[in-house]
């Protein structure tokens, strides 16, 4: 009888582990920011400056504001030659309004950006900022 009880407890432990594994993975996640710039911008230095400004303004919402693991918000921004933020929009929603708002806020608070490099041929620059909730290390 005791062996049967131990087997039952083991089975229950296995079921609980499998049921809670996704929760544990989500809890061990982390935010990931990526920035993508239109092809005409070849200045890596400028790209790093813009990325760093947005990353410095990112404020993660609480646990209830996180999207599902692997989901992301994409914020599209248009930057003028003088570095002024001309427009922003959430072009891809994560499924969490708080996460989307935090991503949009980070881009807006990072402005103004440095002026576009003299070598950049256009009057405006399109940039896309992807903020995802990814599995932790």
N, C-alpha and C. Protein backbone atom coordinates (compact mmCIF):
# COMPACT_ATOMS: atom_id res chain seq x y z
N UNK A 1 0.82 -1.19 0.00
CA UNK A 1 0.00 0.00 0.00
C UNK A 1 0.87 1.26 0.00
N UNK A 2 1.95 1.21 0.79
CA UNK A 2 2.84 2.37 0.86
C UNK A 2 3.50 2.60 -0.50
N UNK A 3 3.87 1.56 -1.22
CA UNK A 3 4.48 1.68 -2.54
C UNK A 3 3.50 2.33 -3.51
N UNK A 4 2.24 1.93 -3.45
CA UNK A 4 1.21 2.52 -4.30
C UNK A 4 1.06 4.01 -3.99
N UNK A 5 1.12 4.37 -2.71
CA UNK A 5 1.02 5.76 -2.31
C UNK A 5 2.19 6.57 -2.87
N UNK A 6 3.39 6.00 -2.80
CA UNK A 6 4.58 6.68 -3.33
C UNK A 6 4.47 6.86 -4.84
N UNK A 7 3.99 5.84 -5.54
CA UNK A 7 3.82 5.95 -6.99
C UNK A 7 2.80 7.03 -7.32
N UNK A 8 1.72 7.07 -6.55
CA UNK A 8 0.69 8.09 -6.77
C UNK A 8 1.24 9.49 -6.53
N UNK A 9 2.04 9.63 -5.50
CA UNK A 9 2.64 10.92 -5.19
C UNK A 9 3.63 11.31 -6.29
N UNK A 10 4.39 10.34 -6.80
CA UNK A 10 5.31 10.61 -7.90
C UNK A 10 4.55 11.05 -9.14
N UNK A 11 3.45 10.37 -9.45
CA UNK A 11 2.66 10.73 -10.62
C UNK A 11 2.09 12.14 -10.45
N UNK A 12 1.60 12.45 -9.26
CA UNK A 12 1.06 13.77 -9.00
C UNK A 12 2.16 14.82 -9.15
N UNK A 13 3.34 14.55 -8.66
CA UNK A 13 4.46 15.47 -8.79
C UNK A 13 4.79 15.70 -10.25
N UNK A 14 4.80 14.63 -11.05
CA UNK A 14 5.08 14.75 -12.48
C UNK A 14 4.02 15.58 -13.18
N UNK A 15 2.76 15.36 -12.85
CA UNK A 15 1.68 16.12 -13.47
C UNK A 15 1.79 17.59 -13.09
N UNK A 16 2.06 17.88 -11.82
CA UNK A 16 2.21 19.27 -11.39
C UNK A 16 3.40 19.93 -12.08
N UNK A 17 4.50 19.21 -12.22
CA UNK A 17 5.68 19.75 -12.89
C UNK A 17 5.34 20.10 -14.34
N UNK A 18 4.68 19.19 -15.03
CA UNK A 18 4.32 19.45 -16.43
C UNK A 18 3.33 20.60 -16.55
N UNK A 19 2.42 20.69 -15.61
CA UNK A 19 1.42 21.75 -15.65
C UNK A 19 2.04 23.11 -15.33
N UNK A 20 3.02 23.14 -14.45
CA UNK A 20 3.62 24.40 -14.03
C UNK A 20 4.84 24.80 -14.86
N UNK A 21 5.35 23.92 -15.69
CA UNK A 21 6.54 24.23 -16.48
C UNK A 21 6.38 25.49 -17.33
N UNK A 22 5.25 25.67 -18.05
CA UNK A 22 5.11 26.91 -18.82
C UNK A 22 5.12 28.16 -17.94
N UNK A 23 4.56 28.08 -16.76
CA UNK A 23 4.56 29.21 -15.84
C UNK A 23 5.98 29.52 -15.41
N UNK A 24 6.75 28.49 -15.11
CA UNK A 24 8.14 28.69 -14.70
C UNK A 24 8.95 29.30 -15.84
N UNK A 25 8.70 28.83 -17.06
CA UNK A 25 9.42 29.39 -18.21
C UNK A 25 9.07 30.85 -18.40
N UNK A 26 7.80 31.18 -18.30
CA UNK A 26 7.39 32.57 -18.48
C UNK A 26 7.99 33.45 -17.39
N UNK A 27 8.02 32.94 -16.17
CA UNK A 27 8.58 33.70 -15.07
C UNK A 27 10.07 33.93 -15.26
N UNK A 28 10.75 33.04 -15.96
CA UNK A 28 12.18 33.19 -16.17
C UNK A 28 12.49 33.90 -17.48
N UNK A 29 11.49 34.51 -18.08
CA UNK A 29 11.70 35.23 -19.33
C UNK A 29 12.36 36.58 -19.08
N UNK A 30 12.63 37.26 -20.18
CA UNK A 30 13.21 38.59 -20.08
C UNK A 30 12.84 39.39 -21.32
N UNK A 31 12.85 40.72 -21.20
CA UNK A 31 12.54 41.54 -22.37
C UNK A 31 13.74 41.57 -23.32
N UNK A 32 13.43 41.67 -24.60
CA UNK A 32 14.49 41.76 -25.61
C UNK A 32 14.13 42.89 -26.56
N UNK A 33 15.02 43.83 -26.74
CA UNK A 33 14.82 44.95 -27.66
C UNK A 33 15.72 44.76 -28.86
N UNK A 34 15.13 44.90 -30.04
CA UNK A 34 15.89 44.90 -31.28
C UNK A 34 15.47 46.13 -32.07
N UNK A 35 16.40 46.72 -32.80
CA UNK A 35 16.10 47.89 -33.63
C UNK A 35 16.51 47.58 -35.06
N UNK A 36 15.65 47.96 -35.99
CA UNK A 36 15.90 47.75 -37.41
C UNK A 36 15.72 49.09 -38.12
N UNK A 37 16.69 49.42 -38.95
CA UNK A 37 16.70 50.71 -39.65
C UNK A 37 16.64 50.47 -41.15
N UNK A 38 16.09 51.46 -41.87
CA UNK A 38 16.01 51.28 -43.31
C UNK A 38 17.40 51.13 -43.89
N UNK A 39 17.46 50.44 -44.99
CA UNK A 39 18.71 50.01 -45.62
C UNK A 39 19.66 51.15 -45.95
N UNK A 40 19.14 52.35 -46.23
CA UNK A 40 19.99 53.48 -46.61
C UNK A 40 20.88 53.98 -45.47
N UNK A 41 20.55 53.61 -44.25
CA UNK A 41 21.36 54.06 -43.10
C UNK A 41 22.49 53.06 -42.87
N UNK A 42 23.70 53.48 -43.18
CA UNK A 42 24.85 52.58 -43.05
C UNK A 42 25.69 52.88 -41.82
N UNK A 43 25.37 53.94 -41.09
CA UNK A 43 26.15 54.32 -39.92
C UNK A 43 25.79 53.44 -38.72
N UNK A 44 26.69 52.53 -38.39
CA UNK A 44 26.48 51.66 -37.23
C UNK A 44 26.51 52.49 -35.95
N UNK A 45 27.34 53.50 -35.92
CA UNK A 45 27.43 54.38 -34.75
C UNK A 45 26.07 55.05 -34.48
N UNK A 46 25.44 55.55 -35.51
CA UNK A 46 24.13 56.19 -35.34
C UNK A 46 23.10 55.17 -34.87
N UNK A 47 23.11 54.00 -35.47
CA UNK A 47 22.16 52.95 -35.07
C UNK A 47 22.33 52.61 -33.59
N UNK A 48 23.57 52.49 -33.14
CA UNK A 48 23.83 52.17 -31.73
C UNK A 48 23.36 53.27 -30.80
N UNK A 49 23.54 54.53 -31.20
CA UNK A 49 23.09 55.65 -30.37
C UNK A 49 21.58 55.64 -30.21
N UNK A 50 20.87 55.43 -31.31
CA UNK A 50 19.40 55.41 -31.26
C UNK A 50 18.92 54.23 -30.41
N UNK A 51 19.51 53.06 -30.65
CA UNK A 51 19.14 51.86 -29.88
C UNK A 51 19.36 52.11 -28.38
N UNK A 52 20.51 52.67 -28.03
CA UNK A 52 20.84 52.90 -26.62
C UNK A 52 19.88 53.88 -25.96
N UNK A 53 19.46 54.89 -26.70
CA UNK A 53 18.51 55.87 -26.15
C UNK A 53 17.18 55.19 -25.83
N UNK A 54 16.69 54.36 -26.77
CA UNK A 54 15.41 53.68 -26.55
C UNK A 54 15.55 52.67 -25.41
N UNK A 55 16.62 51.90 -25.43
CA UNK A 55 16.84 50.90 -24.37
C UNK A 55 16.89 51.57 -22.99
N UNK A 56 17.48 52.75 -22.92
CA UNK A 56 17.59 53.47 -21.66
C UNK A 56 16.25 53.99 -21.13
N UNK A 57 15.29 54.12 -22.00
CA UNK A 57 13.96 54.61 -21.61
C UNK A 57 12.95 53.48 -21.38
N UNK A 58 13.33 52.24 -21.68
CA UNK A 58 12.42 51.10 -21.51
C UNK A 58 12.13 50.88 -20.03
N UNK A 59 10.87 50.80 -19.71
CA UNK A 59 10.41 50.47 -18.36
C UNK A 59 9.43 49.33 -18.48
N UNK A 60 9.83 48.19 -17.99
CA UNK A 60 8.99 46.99 -18.11
C UNK A 60 7.78 47.07 -17.21
N UNK A 61 6.60 46.78 -17.76
CA UNK A 61 5.42 46.75 -16.89
C UNK A 61 5.51 45.57 -15.93
N UNK A 62 4.69 45.57 -14.92
CA UNK A 62 4.68 44.46 -13.95
C UNK A 62 4.33 43.14 -14.60
N UNK A 63 4.38 42.09 -13.81
CA UNK A 63 4.15 40.73 -14.31
C UNK A 63 2.82 40.60 -15.04
N UNK A 64 1.80 41.29 -14.58
CA UNK A 64 0.49 41.21 -15.24
C UNK A 64 0.49 41.88 -16.61
N UNK A 65 1.46 42.75 -16.85
CA UNK A 65 1.55 43.47 -18.13
C UNK A 65 2.39 42.79 -19.18
N UNK A 66 3.00 41.66 -18.82
CA UNK A 66 3.84 40.95 -19.79
C UNK A 66 2.99 40.21 -20.81
N UNK A 67 3.47 40.18 -22.06
CA UNK A 67 2.77 39.37 -23.06
C UNK A 67 3.14 37.91 -22.89
N UNK A 68 2.51 37.05 -23.65
CA UNK A 68 2.85 35.63 -23.64
C UNK A 68 4.30 35.47 -24.13
N UNK A 69 4.94 34.43 -23.69
CA UNK A 69 6.31 34.14 -24.09
C UNK A 69 6.41 34.10 -25.62
N UNK A 70 7.37 34.83 -26.17
CA UNK A 70 7.59 34.85 -27.61
C UNK A 70 6.82 35.94 -28.34
N UNK A 71 5.92 36.62 -27.66
CA UNK A 71 5.14 37.70 -28.30
C UNK A 71 5.93 39.00 -28.25
N UNK A 72 5.65 39.90 -29.21
CA UNK A 72 6.39 41.15 -29.25
C UNK A 72 5.52 42.29 -29.74
N UNK A 73 5.97 43.48 -29.40
CA UNK A 73 5.41 44.72 -29.91
C UNK A 73 6.40 45.28 -30.90
N UNK A 74 5.90 45.80 -32.01
CA UNK A 74 6.76 46.50 -32.96
C UNK A 74 6.28 47.95 -33.03
N UNK A 75 7.21 48.86 -32.75
CA UNK A 75 6.91 50.29 -32.84
C UNK A 75 7.66 50.83 -34.05
N UNK A 76 6.90 51.44 -34.95
CA UNK A 76 7.50 52.08 -36.12
C UNK A 76 7.65 53.56 -35.81
N UNK A 77 8.84 54.09 -36.07
CA UNK A 77 9.12 55.50 -35.81
C UNK A 77 9.70 56.14 -37.06
N UNK A 78 9.37 57.40 -37.27
CA UNK A 78 9.95 58.18 -38.35
C UNK A 78 10.73 59.32 -37.70
N UNK A 79 12.02 59.38 -38.02
CA UNK A 79 12.93 60.36 -37.44
C UNK A 79 13.33 61.35 -38.52
N UNK A 80 13.21 62.64 -38.20
CA UNK A 80 13.58 63.69 -39.16
C UNK A 80 15.08 63.92 -39.20
N UNK A 81 15.51 64.67 -40.20
CA UNK A 81 16.94 64.94 -40.39
C UNK A 81 17.55 65.57 -39.14
N UNK A 82 16.79 66.39 -38.42
CA UNK A 82 17.30 67.06 -37.22
C UNK A 82 17.22 66.17 -35.97
N UNK A 83 16.73 64.93 -36.11
CA UNK A 83 16.63 64.00 -34.99
C UNK A 83 15.27 64.03 -34.31
N UNK A 84 14.41 64.94 -34.75
CA UNK A 84 13.08 65.05 -34.15
C UNK A 84 12.24 63.82 -34.52
N UNK A 85 11.49 63.33 -33.56
CA UNK A 85 10.58 62.20 -33.79
C UNK A 85 9.34 62.74 -34.47
N UNK A 86 9.13 62.38 -35.73
CA UNK A 86 8.02 62.92 -36.51
C UNK A 86 6.73 62.12 -36.31
N UNK A 87 6.86 60.81 -36.13
CA UNK A 87 5.66 59.99 -35.88
C UNK A 87 6.06 58.66 -35.27
N UNK A 88 5.09 58.07 -34.57
CA UNK A 88 5.26 56.73 -34.01
C UNK A 88 3.93 56.01 -34.12
N UNK A 89 4.00 54.70 -34.20
CA UNK A 89 2.79 53.88 -34.17
C UNK A 89 3.17 52.46 -33.76
N UNK A 90 2.25 51.80 -33.09
CA UNK A 90 2.43 50.38 -32.80
C UNK A 90 1.94 49.64 -34.04
N UNK A 91 2.86 49.05 -34.77
CA UNK A 91 2.47 48.35 -36.01
C UNK A 91 2.17 46.87 -35.78
N UNK A 92 2.67 46.33 -34.67
CA UNK A 92 2.36 44.94 -34.29
C UNK A 92 2.11 44.93 -32.79
N UNK A 93 0.96 44.42 -32.40
CA UNK A 93 0.61 44.35 -30.99
C UNK A 93 1.02 43.00 -30.40
N UNK A 94 1.39 43.03 -29.11
CA UNK A 94 1.87 41.83 -28.41
C UNK A 94 0.75 41.01 -27.79
N UNK A 95 -0.42 41.62 -27.64
CA UNK A 95 -1.49 40.97 -26.90
C UNK A 95 -1.61 41.52 -25.48
N UNK A 96 -0.67 42.39 -25.11
CA UNK A 96 -0.70 43.05 -23.80
C UNK A 96 -0.70 44.56 -24.03
N UNK A 97 -1.77 45.21 -23.68
CA UNK A 97 -1.86 46.66 -23.86
C UNK A 97 -0.79 47.39 -23.05
N UNK A 98 -0.48 46.89 -21.86
CA UNK A 98 0.55 47.52 -21.02
C UNK A 98 1.93 47.41 -21.67
N UNK A 99 2.23 46.25 -22.25
CA UNK A 99 3.53 46.04 -22.92
C UNK A 99 3.64 46.94 -24.14
N UNK A 100 2.56 47.00 -24.94
CA UNK A 100 2.55 47.85 -26.13
C UNK A 100 2.75 49.31 -25.74
N UNK A 101 2.06 49.75 -24.70
CA UNK A 101 2.18 51.14 -24.23
C UNK A 101 3.59 51.43 -23.73
N UNK A 102 4.21 50.47 -23.05
CA UNK A 102 5.57 50.66 -22.54
C UNK A 102 6.57 50.77 -23.69
N UNK A 103 6.38 49.98 -24.73
CA UNK A 103 7.28 50.04 -25.89
C UNK A 103 7.14 51.38 -26.61
N UNK A 104 5.90 51.81 -26.82
CA UNK A 104 5.65 53.10 -27.48
C UNK A 104 6.22 54.25 -26.64
N UNK A 105 6.03 54.17 -25.33
CA UNK A 105 6.54 55.20 -24.42
C UNK A 105 8.07 55.29 -24.47
N UNK A 106 8.74 54.16 -24.52
CA UNK A 106 10.21 54.16 -24.56
C UNK A 106 10.72 54.90 -25.79
N UNK A 107 10.09 54.66 -26.93
CA UNK A 107 10.52 55.33 -28.17
C UNK A 107 10.25 56.83 -28.06
N UNK A 108 9.07 57.20 -27.59
CA UNK A 108 8.72 58.62 -27.48
C UNK A 108 9.62 59.35 -26.49
N UNK A 109 9.91 58.73 -25.35
CA UNK A 109 10.75 59.37 -24.33
C UNK A 109 12.22 59.46 -24.75
N UNK A 110 12.64 58.62 -25.69
CA UNK A 110 14.03 58.64 -26.17
C UNK A 110 14.30 59.83 -27.09
N UNK A 111 13.26 60.41 -27.64
CA UNK A 111 13.39 61.54 -28.55
C UNK A 111 13.69 62.82 -27.77
N UNK A 112 14.35 63.78 -28.37
CA UNK A 112 14.83 63.75 -29.75
C UNK A 112 16.09 62.89 -29.89
N UNK A 113 16.30 62.39 -31.08
CA UNK A 113 17.46 61.58 -31.38
C UNK A 113 18.56 62.47 -31.96
N UNK A 114 19.77 61.94 -32.07
CA UNK A 114 20.81 62.74 -32.73
C UNK A 114 20.40 63.04 -34.17
N UNK A 115 20.88 64.15 -34.72
CA UNK A 115 20.59 64.44 -36.13
C UNK A 115 21.07 63.28 -37.02
N UNK A 116 20.38 63.09 -38.12
CA UNK A 116 20.78 62.02 -39.04
C UNK A 116 22.19 62.31 -39.57
N UNK A 117 22.97 61.27 -39.85
CA UNK A 117 24.32 61.48 -40.39
C UNK A 117 24.26 62.25 -41.72
N UNK A 118 25.25 63.08 -41.96
CA UNK A 118 25.32 63.87 -43.20
C UNK A 118 25.30 62.96 -44.42
N UNK A 119 25.84 61.75 -44.29
CA UNK A 119 25.90 60.82 -45.42
C UNK A 119 24.56 60.16 -45.73
N UNK A 120 23.57 60.30 -44.82
CA UNK A 120 22.27 59.69 -45.05
C UNK A 120 21.54 60.51 -46.12
N UNK A 121 21.10 59.85 -47.21
CA UNK A 121 20.60 60.60 -48.37
C UNK A 121 19.16 61.11 -48.28
N UNK A 122 18.37 60.66 -47.31
CA UNK A 122 16.95 61.00 -47.28
C UNK A 122 16.62 62.01 -46.18
N UNK A 123 15.44 62.60 -46.26
CA UNK A 123 15.00 63.60 -45.28
C UNK A 123 14.50 62.96 -43.99
N UNK A 124 14.05 61.72 -44.05
CA UNK A 124 13.55 61.02 -42.87
C UNK A 124 14.09 59.60 -42.83
N UNK A 125 14.09 59.04 -41.63
CA UNK A 125 14.56 57.68 -41.41
C UNK A 125 13.44 56.86 -40.77
N UNK A 126 13.16 55.70 -41.33
CA UNK A 126 12.22 54.76 -40.72
C UNK A 126 13.00 53.81 -39.82
N UNK A 127 12.51 53.64 -38.60
CA UNK A 127 13.12 52.70 -37.66
C UNK A 127 12.02 51.86 -37.05
N UNK A 128 12.31 50.61 -36.81
CA UNK A 128 11.36 49.69 -36.19
C UNK A 128 12.00 49.13 -34.92
N UNK A 129 11.28 49.23 -33.81
CA UNK A 129 11.76 48.74 -32.53
C UNK A 129 10.89 47.57 -32.11
N UNK A 130 11.52 46.41 -31.95
CA UNK A 130 10.82 45.18 -31.56
C UNK A 130 11.12 44.93 -30.08
N UNK A 131 10.08 44.85 -29.27
CA UNK A 131 10.25 44.57 -27.85
C UNK A 131 9.50 43.27 -27.56
N UNK A 132 10.26 42.22 -27.29
CA UNK A 132 9.68 40.89 -27.12
C UNK A 132 9.89 40.38 -25.70
N UNK A 133 9.05 39.45 -25.29
CA UNK A 133 9.23 38.72 -24.03
C UNK A 133 9.72 37.34 -24.43
N UNK A 134 10.98 37.04 -24.11
CA UNK A 134 11.62 35.81 -24.56
C UNK A 134 12.03 34.94 -23.38
N UNK A 135 12.24 33.68 -23.65
CA UNK A 135 12.66 32.74 -22.59
C UNK A 135 14.00 33.18 -22.04
N UNK A 136 14.14 33.09 -20.73
CA UNK A 136 15.37 33.48 -20.07
C UNK A 136 16.50 32.49 -20.35
N UNK A 137 17.70 32.87 -19.96
CA UNK A 137 18.88 32.02 -20.24
C UNK A 137 18.84 30.68 -19.55
